[in-house]
N, C-alpha and C. Protein backbone atom coordinates (compact mmCIF):
# COMPACT_ATOMS: atom_id res chain seq x y z
N MET A 1 -0.91 71.73 -14.71
CA MET A 1 -2.25 72.29 -14.65
C MET A 1 -2.12 73.79 -14.40
N SER A 2 -2.38 74.56 -15.38
CA SER A 2 -2.29 76.01 -15.21
C SER A 2 -3.69 76.60 -15.06
N GLY A 3 -3.75 77.72 -14.39
CA GLY A 3 -5.02 78.40 -14.22
C GLY A 3 -5.86 77.88 -13.06
N PHE A 4 -5.27 77.06 -12.17
CA PHE A 4 -6.03 76.56 -11.02
C PHE A 4 -6.29 77.70 -10.05
N GLU A 5 -7.51 77.77 -9.57
CA GLU A 5 -7.87 78.69 -8.51
C GLU A 5 -8.79 77.94 -7.56
N CYS A 6 -8.42 77.90 -6.28
CA CYS A 6 -9.21 77.20 -5.29
C CYS A 6 -10.61 77.79 -5.20
N PRO A 7 -11.65 76.96 -5.28
CA PRO A 7 -13.02 77.49 -5.19
C PRO A 7 -13.40 77.96 -3.79
N LYS A 8 -12.60 77.62 -2.78
CA LYS A 8 -12.91 78.02 -1.40
C LYS A 8 -12.22 79.30 -0.98
N CYS A 9 -10.92 79.46 -1.36
CA CYS A 9 -10.18 80.63 -0.86
C CYS A 9 -9.50 81.44 -1.97
N ALA A 10 -9.65 81.05 -3.23
CA ALA A 10 -9.10 81.75 -4.40
C ALA A 10 -7.58 81.69 -4.49
N ASN A 11 -6.93 80.83 -3.72
CA ASN A 11 -5.49 80.63 -3.80
C ASN A 11 -5.15 79.97 -5.15
N THR A 12 -3.98 80.28 -5.68
CA THR A 12 -3.59 79.68 -6.97
C THR A 12 -2.45 78.68 -6.84
N ASP A 13 -1.97 78.41 -5.63
CA ASP A 13 -0.91 77.42 -5.41
C ASP A 13 -1.54 76.10 -5.00
N TYR A 14 -1.02 75.01 -5.52
CA TYR A 14 -1.61 73.70 -5.27
C TYR A 14 -0.56 72.59 -5.31
N ASP A 15 -0.90 71.46 -4.74
CA ASP A 15 -0.11 70.23 -4.82
C ASP A 15 -0.97 69.18 -5.51
N THR A 16 -0.33 68.25 -6.20
CA THR A 16 -1.07 67.15 -6.82
C THR A 16 -0.61 65.82 -6.24
N GLY A 17 -1.46 64.84 -6.33
CA GLY A 17 -1.14 63.50 -5.87
C GLY A 17 -1.99 62.48 -6.61
N GLN A 18 -1.76 61.21 -6.29
CA GLN A 18 -2.55 60.14 -6.91
C GLN A 18 -2.84 59.07 -5.88
N PHE A 19 -3.94 58.36 -6.10
CA PHE A 19 -4.24 57.19 -5.29
C PHE A 19 -5.10 56.24 -6.11
N ARG A 20 -5.17 55.01 -5.65
CA ARG A 20 -6.01 54.00 -6.28
C ARG A 20 -7.07 53.58 -5.28
N ALA A 21 -8.29 53.47 -5.77
CA ALA A 21 -9.39 52.98 -4.94
C ALA A 21 -9.41 51.47 -5.09
N GLY A 22 -9.25 50.78 -3.99
CA GLY A 22 -9.18 49.33 -4.06
C GLY A 22 -10.38 48.68 -3.41
N GLY A 23 -10.56 47.42 -3.73
CA GLY A 23 -11.60 46.62 -3.11
C GLY A 23 -10.99 45.39 -2.49
N GLY A 24 -11.80 44.43 -2.23
CA GLY A 24 -11.32 43.18 -1.67
C GLY A 24 -10.68 42.30 -2.73
N THR A 25 -10.27 41.13 -2.31
CA THR A 25 -9.59 40.20 -3.22
C THR A 25 -10.49 39.78 -4.37
N LEU A 26 -11.75 39.49 -4.09
CA LEU A 26 -12.66 39.05 -5.16
C LEU A 26 -12.90 40.15 -6.19
N SER A 27 -13.05 41.39 -5.75
CA SER A 27 -13.27 42.47 -6.71
C SER A 27 -12.03 42.67 -7.57
N LYS A 28 -10.85 42.43 -7.01
CA LYS A 28 -9.62 42.56 -7.79
C LYS A 28 -9.54 41.49 -8.87
N ILE A 29 -9.99 40.28 -8.54
CA ILE A 29 -9.96 39.18 -9.50
C ILE A 29 -10.96 39.41 -10.63
N PHE A 30 -12.17 39.81 -10.28
CA PHE A 30 -13.23 39.91 -11.29
C PHE A 30 -13.29 41.26 -12.00
N ASP A 31 -12.89 42.32 -11.35
CA ASP A 31 -13.01 43.65 -11.94
C ASP A 31 -11.70 44.16 -12.55
N GLY A 32 -10.62 43.44 -12.42
CA GLY A 32 -9.35 43.93 -12.93
C GLY A 32 -8.73 44.90 -11.95
N GLN A 33 -8.00 45.86 -12.45
CA GLN A 33 -7.29 46.81 -11.60
C GLN A 33 -8.23 47.90 -11.10
N PRO A 34 -8.00 48.38 -9.86
CA PRO A 34 -8.85 49.43 -9.32
C PRO A 34 -8.60 50.75 -10.07
N PRO A 35 -9.61 51.61 -10.09
CA PRO A 35 -9.43 52.89 -10.78
C PRO A 35 -8.40 53.77 -10.08
N ARG A 36 -7.73 54.60 -10.87
CA ARG A 36 -6.72 55.53 -10.36
C ARG A 36 -7.32 56.94 -10.37
N PHE A 37 -7.00 57.71 -9.34
CA PHE A 37 -7.51 59.07 -9.22
C PHE A 37 -6.36 60.05 -9.01
N THR A 38 -6.53 61.26 -9.51
CA THR A 38 -5.58 62.35 -9.30
C THR A 38 -6.22 63.37 -8.38
N THR A 39 -5.45 63.88 -7.42
CA THR A 39 -5.95 64.89 -6.50
C THR A 39 -5.24 66.22 -6.73
N VAL A 40 -5.97 67.30 -6.53
CA VAL A 40 -5.41 68.65 -6.56
C VAL A 40 -5.79 69.30 -5.24
N THR A 41 -4.78 69.66 -4.43
CA THR A 41 -5.01 70.18 -3.08
C THR A 41 -4.48 71.60 -2.96
N CYS A 42 -5.32 72.51 -2.49
CA CYS A 42 -4.93 73.90 -2.24
C CYS A 42 -3.90 73.93 -1.13
N THR A 43 -2.81 74.67 -1.33
CA THR A 43 -1.76 74.74 -0.31
C THR A 43 -2.15 75.63 0.88
N ARG A 44 -3.16 76.45 0.71
CA ARG A 44 -3.56 77.35 1.80
C ARG A 44 -4.62 76.71 2.69
N CYS A 45 -5.77 76.33 2.14
CA CYS A 45 -6.87 75.83 2.97
C CYS A 45 -7.02 74.31 2.94
N ARG A 46 -6.22 73.62 2.11
CA ARG A 46 -6.18 72.16 1.99
C ARG A 46 -7.43 71.57 1.34
N PHE A 47 -8.27 72.39 0.71
CA PHE A 47 -9.41 71.87 -0.04
C PHE A 47 -8.86 70.99 -1.15
N THR A 48 -9.47 69.80 -1.35
CA THR A 48 -8.96 68.84 -2.33
C THR A 48 -10.05 68.46 -3.32
N GLU A 49 -9.70 68.50 -4.60
CA GLU A 49 -10.58 68.02 -5.66
C GLU A 49 -10.02 66.70 -6.17
N VAL A 50 -10.90 65.76 -6.54
CA VAL A 50 -10.49 64.44 -6.99
C VAL A 50 -10.99 64.24 -8.42
N TYR A 51 -10.09 63.76 -9.29
CA TYR A 51 -10.41 63.51 -10.69
C TYR A 51 -10.03 62.08 -11.05
N LYS A 52 -10.88 61.42 -11.82
CA LYS A 52 -10.55 60.08 -12.29
C LYS A 52 -9.48 60.20 -13.36
N ALA A 53 -8.39 59.44 -13.19
CA ALA A 53 -7.24 59.54 -14.10
C ALA A 53 -7.37 58.50 -15.22
N ASP A 54 -6.85 58.85 -16.37
CA ASP A 54 -6.77 57.92 -17.48
C ASP A 54 -5.64 56.94 -17.22
N LYS A 55 -5.78 55.75 -17.74
CA LYS A 55 -4.78 54.72 -17.53
C LYS A 55 -4.42 54.10 -18.88
N SER A 56 -3.14 53.94 -19.11
CA SER A 56 -2.71 53.37 -20.38
C SER A 56 -2.76 51.85 -20.33
N ARG A 57 -2.77 51.22 -21.47
CA ARG A 57 -2.77 49.75 -21.56
C ARG A 57 -1.48 49.18 -20.96
N LEU A 58 -0.37 49.88 -21.14
CA LEU A 58 0.90 49.43 -20.59
C LEU A 58 0.84 49.38 -19.07
N GLU A 59 0.19 50.35 -18.45
CA GLU A 59 0.03 50.34 -16.99
C GLU A 59 -0.80 49.16 -16.54
N ASP A 60 -1.84 48.81 -17.30
CA ASP A 60 -2.66 47.64 -16.98
C ASP A 60 -1.81 46.38 -16.95
N ILE A 61 -0.96 46.22 -17.94
CA ILE A 61 -0.11 45.03 -18.03
C ILE A 61 0.90 45.02 -16.88
N PHE A 62 1.50 46.16 -16.60
CA PHE A 62 2.47 46.26 -15.50
C PHE A 62 1.79 45.94 -14.17
N ASP A 63 0.58 46.49 -13.94
CA ASP A 63 -0.14 46.25 -12.70
C ASP A 63 -0.50 44.78 -12.52
N LEU A 64 -0.82 44.12 -13.59
CA LEU A 64 -1.18 42.72 -13.53
C LEU A 64 -0.05 41.88 -12.92
N PHE A 65 1.20 42.22 -13.26
CA PHE A 65 2.33 41.46 -12.79
C PHE A 65 2.90 41.95 -11.46
N THR A 66 2.55 43.17 -11.04
CA THR A 66 3.13 43.71 -9.80
C THR A 66 2.17 43.68 -8.63
N ASN A 67 0.88 43.52 -8.85
CA ASN A 67 -0.08 43.50 -7.73
C ASN A 67 -0.39 42.10 -7.30
């Protein structure tokens, strides 16, 4: 990701991460896999933006067998 500038402090250095939003057992059974999100965090002030990540069909199949 090039051209990132923190909207709070104008810093241009950042870290990225990922997480999955999960629900209970029933939501996992009926809704499939929980959505995946990507985070971008400013290294100076720690302001974090969250973006919904795209997921490939292969990841869906892998998740089905590993979760």
